[in-house]
Amino acid sequence: MRNPRFDKTLVLIPARMASMRLPGKPLADINGLPMIVQVAHRAREADVGRVMVAVDDTRVFEAVKAAGFDVVMTRDDHQSGSDRIYEALLAADPEGKVEFVVNVQGDLPTIEADAVHASLRPMEDNSVDIATLTVEILDEEDKLNPNIVKVIGSPIADNRLRALYFTRATAPTGPGPLYHHIGLYTYRRSALERFVKLRPSTLELRERLEQLRALEAGMRIDVEIVDSVPLGVDTPADLEKARAILAGRKQ
């Protein structure tokens, strides 16, 4: 189902070549297409808005362009994906017509359309600055894993939390669910503009979690609860999993 705010929504996919664990990651072949092109296809299938890829390498630029997607070259010294997508937003929409920016990470080639749609639902509340996703953690080892970021939030609806904090620690304590943060964001344009102009915050630097900058500045982040964590491709083993998943979808 098409997003009713399609004309005011821009899906931006940041891609950078500097990956230590999987060199050349955006161009890694997945069933005949570069990974970044597979991600762009998933974003287009979600049908929530115009899709554009923000790159920092001419090889990736040419691959995306050859696949028929909008692409913009950005600086190669950005510290974060949010800085890259803001530069891309200004290039794509200098007139300021876009109101919502969906940031789909460039290493999510199997992302489901439902997840992209879920990230937009909290924006129906005009007081929400940023929306993101989470899934309940069921594996006990995952609860203790500092590489799995946890969302601490107050329930405000059946499938939604208002974020109070994000942490690598096992939290909160006591009985009840723990939630695994999924790094797919939708920004209100004004919120993204404000966010990228803020200095890195104390807790952001301590936890190494960029979204804490927004919370420390008093911005509101709502978190939609979804059913599964999309596969992020960071290693050769992840790449093989992605190939198998997408091959299975074609059958």
Protein backbone atom coordinates (compact mmCIF):
# COMPACT_ATOMS: atom_id res chain seq x y z
CA MET A 1 0.00 0.00 0.00
CA ARG A 2 1.43 3.35 -1.03
CA ASN A 3 2.27 5.86 1.68
CA PRO A 4 -0.34 8.68 1.57
CA ARG A 5 2.55 11.10 2.15
CA PHE A 6 4.54 9.65 -0.75
CA ASP A 7 5.24 13.02 -2.39
CA LYS A 8 6.57 14.44 0.87
CA THR A 9 8.76 11.46 1.77
CA LEU A 10 12.31 10.77 0.68
CA VAL A 11 14.00 7.42 1.33
CA LEU A 12 17.75 7.89 1.59
CA ILE A 13 20.21 5.00 1.63
CA PRO A 14 23.71 5.96 2.80
CA ALA A 15 26.54 3.82 1.45
CA ARG A 16 30.21 4.01 2.31
CA MET A 17 33.06 1.89 1.02
CA ALA A 18 35.14 1.87 4.22
CA SER A 19 34.20 -1.47 5.79
CA MET A 20 36.88 -3.36 7.70
CA ARG A 21 35.08 -6.70 7.99
CA LEU A 22 33.70 -6.77 4.44
CA PRO A 23 35.82 -4.63 2.08
CA GLY A 24 33.87 -3.07 -0.78
CA LYS A 25 30.62 -3.95 0.95
CA PRO A 26 28.20 -1.82 -1.13
CA LEU A 27 29.36 -3.58 -4.30
CA ALA A 28 29.31 -7.12 -2.87
CA ASP A 29 27.43 -9.37 -5.28
CA ILE A 30 24.09 -10.69 -4.12
CA ASN A 31 22.47 -12.87 -6.74
CA GLY A 32 23.79 -10.82 -9.65
CA LEU A 33 23.34 -7.34 -8.20
CA PRO A 34 25.51 -5.17 -5.95
CA MET A 35 24.24 -5.16 -2.38
CA ILE A 36 23.47 -1.43 -2.46
CA VAL A 37 21.25 -1.98 -5.52
CA GLN A 38 19.42 -4.80 -3.71
CA VAL A 39 18.75 -2.40 -0.82
CA ALA A 40 17.45 0.22 -3.26
CA HIS A 41 15.08 -2.36 -4.76
CA ARG A 42 13.73 -3.19 -1.28
CA ALA A 43 13.19 0.52 -0.61
CA ARG A 44 11.37 0.97 -3.91
CA GLU A 45 9.18 -2.05 -3.17
CA ALA A 46 8.08 -0.42 0.08
CA ASP A 47 6.55 2.38 -2.03
CA VAL A 48 6.73 5.05 0.68
CA GLY A 49 8.48 7.79 -1.27
CA ARG A 50 11.21 8.70 -3.73
CA VAL A 51 14.34 6.56 -3.27
CA MET A 52 17.87 7.97 -3.47
CA VAL A 53 21.27 6.49 -2.61
CA ALA A 54 23.95 8.70 -1.02
CA VAL A 55 27.46 7.48 -1.85
CA ASP A 56 31.07 8.51 -1.32
CA ASP A 57 32.74 6.52 -4.09
CA THR A 58 32.51 6.84 -7.88
CA ARG A 59 32.34 3.06 -8.36
CA VAL A 60 29.24 2.84 -6.18
CA PHE A 61 27.79 5.93 -7.88
CA GLU A 62 28.12 4.31 -11.31
CA ALA A 63 26.67 0.98 -10.13
CA VAL A 64 23.59 2.63 -8.64
CA LYS A 65 23.12 4.91 -11.64
CA ALA A 66 23.40 1.95 -14.04
CA ALA A 67 20.64 0.18 -12.09
CA GLY A 68 18.30 3.11 -12.71
CA PHE A 69 18.17 4.62 -9.21
CA ASP A 70 18.68 8.22 -8.17
CA VAL A 71 22.11 8.67 -6.64
CA VAL A 72 24.07 11.59 -5.22
CA MET A 73 27.78 11.88 -4.46
CA THR A 74 28.50 13.09 -0.92
CA ARG A 75 31.64 13.95 0.98
CA ASP A 76 33.82 11.07 2.13
CA ASP A 77 34.61 12.53 5.56
CA HIS A 78 31.17 12.34 7.21
CA GLN A 79 31.27 10.98 10.75
CA SER A 80 27.82 9.37 10.54
CA GLY A 81 25.09 8.24 8.20
CA SER A 82 22.80 11.02 9.40
CA ASP A 83 25.32 13.65 8.28
CA ARG A 84 25.52 11.95 4.88
CA ILE A 85 21.76 11.80 4.41
CA TYR A 86 21.40 15.46 5.39
CA GLU A 87 23.85 16.45 2.67
CA ALA A 88 21.91 14.25 0.25
CA LEU A 89 18.60 15.76 1.34
CA LEU A 90 19.82 19.28 0.56
CA ALA A 91 21.00 18.13 -2.87
CA ALA A 92 17.80 16.23 -3.65
CA ASP A 93 15.34 18.79 -2.30
CA PRO A 94 16.80 22.30 -2.07
CA GLU A 95 13.29 23.78 -2.15
CA GLY A 96 12.34 22.10 1.13
CA LYS A 97 9.30 20.19 -0.14
CA VAL A 98 10.24 16.92 1.59
CA GLU A 99 8.82 16.63 5.11
CA PHE A 100 9.88 13.08 6.06
CA VAL A 101 13.25 11.39 5.54
CA VAL A 102 13.53 7.62 5.89
CA ASN A 103 17.10 6.44 6.51
CA VAL A 104 17.47 2.83 5.34
CA GLN A 105 20.94 1.48 6.05
CA GLY A 106 22.87 0.37 2.99
CA ASP A 107 23.62 -3.07 4.40
CA LEU A 108 20.02 -4.29 4.70
CA PRO A 109 19.44 -6.09 1.38
CA THR A 110 16.62 -8.26 2.74
CA ILE A 111 14.68 -5.52 4.56
CA GLU A 112 10.92 -6.11 4.40
CA ALA A 113 8.54 -3.44 3.15
CA ASP A 114 6.54 -3.79 6.38
CA ALA A 115 9.53 -2.62 8.41
CA VAL A 116 9.91 0.51 6.30
CA HIS A 117 6.20 1.25 6.66
CA ALA A 118 6.40 0.69 10.43
CA SER A 119 9.06 3.38 10.77
CA LEU A 120 6.62 5.94 9.38
CA ARG A 121 3.65 5.14 11.60
CA PRO A 122 4.78 7.15 14.66
CA MET A 123 4.96 10.25 12.46
CA GLU A 124 1.18 10.44 12.54
CA ASP A 125 1.76 12.15 15.91
CA ASN A 126 3.05 15.65 15.18
CA SER A 127 5.00 15.75 18.43
CA VAL A 128 7.32 12.93 17.31
CA ASP A 129 10.67 14.11 15.95
CA ILE A 130 12.26 10.78 15.06
CA ALA A 131 10.85 7.26 14.69
CA THR A 132 12.71 3.98 14.75
CA LEU A 133 12.12 0.25 15.26
CA THR A 134 12.67 -2.46 17.84
CA VAL A 135 11.96 -6.13 18.43
CA GLU A 136 11.62 -8.00 21.71
CA ILE A 137 14.74 -9.95 22.68
CA LEU A 138 13.96 -13.63 23.25
CA ASP A 139 17.48 -15.09 23.35
CA GLU A 140 19.07 -14.84 26.81
CA GLU A 141 22.56 -14.42 25.35
CA ASP A 142 21.40 -11.48 23.26
CA LYS A 143 20.24 -9.73 26.41
CA LEU A 144 23.84 -9.74 27.65
CA ASN A 145 25.48 -8.87 24.33
CA PRO A 146 26.86 -5.29 24.31
CA ASN A 147 26.79 -5.30 20.50
CA ILE A 148 23.00 -5.50 20.65
CA VAL A 149 21.67 -2.07 21.52
CA LYS A 150 18.69 -2.04 23.86
CA VAL A 151 15.81 0.43 23.84
CA ILE A 152 14.46 1.57 27.18
CA GLY A 153 11.06 3.11 26.70
CA SER A 154 7.61 3.71 28.10
CA PRO A 155 4.75 1.85 26.37
CA ILE A 156 2.37 4.34 24.76
CA ALA A 157 0.42 1.93 22.53
CA ASP A 158 0.19 -1.80 21.87
CA ASN A 159 3.19 -1.78 19.54
CA ARG A 160 4.94 1.44 20.42
CA LEU A 161 7.35 2.84 22.97
CA ARG A 162 8.44 6.36 23.70
CA ALA A 163 12.22 6.12 23.95
CA LEU A 164 13.79 7.18 27.22
CA TYR A 165 17.27 5.80 26.61
CA PHE A 166 19.37 3.51 24.41
CA THR A 167 22.16 1.42 25.90
CA ARG A 168 24.61 -1.41 25.25
CA ALA A 169 24.05 -2.63 28.79
CA THR A 170 21.44 -5.19 29.85
CA ALA A 171 18.59 -2.92 30.85
CA PRO A 172 16.16 -2.25 32.36
CA THR A 173 16.40 -4.61 35.31
CA GLY A 174 13.46 -6.43 36.83
CA PRO A 175 10.74 -8.54 35.19
CA GLY A 176 9.56 -7.64 31.72
CA PRO A 177 10.74 -7.63 28.12
CA LEU A 178 13.99 -6.23 26.76
CA TYR A 179 14.05 -4.69 23.29
CA HIS A 180 16.66 -4.85 20.54
CA HIS A 181 17.00 -1.56 18.66
CA ILE A 182 16.87 -1.72 14.85
CA GLY A 183 18.77 1.13 13.22
CA LEU A 184 16.21 2.21 10.65
CA TYR A 185 15.03 5.78 11.22
CA THR A 186 12.42 8.19 9.94
CA TYR A 187 13.10 11.85 10.64
CA ARG A 188 10.84 14.82 10.44
CA ARG A 189 12.84 17.14 8.21
CA SER A 190 13.04 19.85 10.85
CA ALA A 191 14.31 17.28 13.36
CA LEU A 192 17.06 16.05 11.03
CA GLU A 193 18.18 19.63 10.39
CA ARG A 194 18.34 20.29 14.11
CA PHE A 195 20.04 17.00 14.90
CA VAL A 196 22.98 17.35 12.51
CA LYS A 197 23.72 20.83 13.86
CA LEU A 198 24.02 19.59 17.45
CA ARG A 199 27.41 18.81 18.92
CA PRO A 200 28.05 15.18 19.94
CA SER A 201 26.64 14.73 23.43
CA THR A 202 28.10 13.32 26.63
CA LEU A 203 26.09 10.09 26.68
CA GLU A 204 26.39 9.64 22.92
CA LEU A 205 30.17 9.60 23.24
CA ARG A 206 30.09 7.36 26.30
CA GLU A 207 27.74 4.72 24.84
CA ARG A 208 28.85 5.28 21.21
CA LEU A 209 25.19 5.68 20.22
CA GLU A 210 24.36 8.66 18.05
CA GLN A 211 20.64 8.67 18.84
CA LEU A 212 21.37 9.68 22.43
CA ARG A 213 22.33 13.11 21.11
CA ALA A 214 18.70 13.64 20.14
CA LEU A 215 17.36 12.50 23.50
CA GLU A 216 19.82 14.64 25.43
CA ALA A 217 18.65 17.63 23.39
CA GLY A 218 15.03 16.96 24.39
CA MET A 219 13.91 15.53 21.06
CA ARG A 220 11.20 12.89 21.02
CA ILE A 221 11.92 9.43 19.58
CA ASP A 222 9.07 6.93 19.29
CA VAL A 223 9.85 3.28 18.63
CA GLU A 224 7.58 0.91 16.72
CA ILE A 225 7.73 -2.73 17.86
CA VAL A 226 8.07 -5.18 14.94
CA ASP A 227 8.34 -8.95 14.69
CA SER A 228 11.89 -9.56 13.50
CA VAL A 229 15.35 -8.03 13.12
CA PRO A 230 16.38 -7.48 9.49
CA LEU A 231 19.67 -9.08 8.47
CA GLY A 232 22.52 -6.58 8.51
CA VAL A 233 25.39 -7.67 6.28
CA ASP A 234 28.73 -7.10 8.03
CA THR A 235 30.66 -10.31 7.32
CA PRO A 236 31.12 -12.87 4.52
CA ALA A 237 28.83 -15.22 6.46
CA ASP A 238 26.10 -12.55 6.55
CA LEU A 239 26.53 -12.10 2.82
CA GLU A 240 25.87 -15.79 2.21
CA LYS A 241 22.74 -15.61 4.37
CA ALA A 242 21.45 -12.65 2.37
CA ARG A 243 22.04 -14.51 -0.90
CA ALA A 244 20.07 -17.49 0.39
CA ILE A 245 17.19 -15.34 1.66
CA LEU A 246 16.78 -13.46 -1.59
CA ALA A 247 17.16 -16.60 -3.66
CA GLY A 248 14.34 -18.13 -1.63
CA ARG A 249 12.06 -15.17 -2.26
CA LYS A 250 12.35 -15.69 -6.02
CA GLN A 251 11.19 -19.30 -5.82
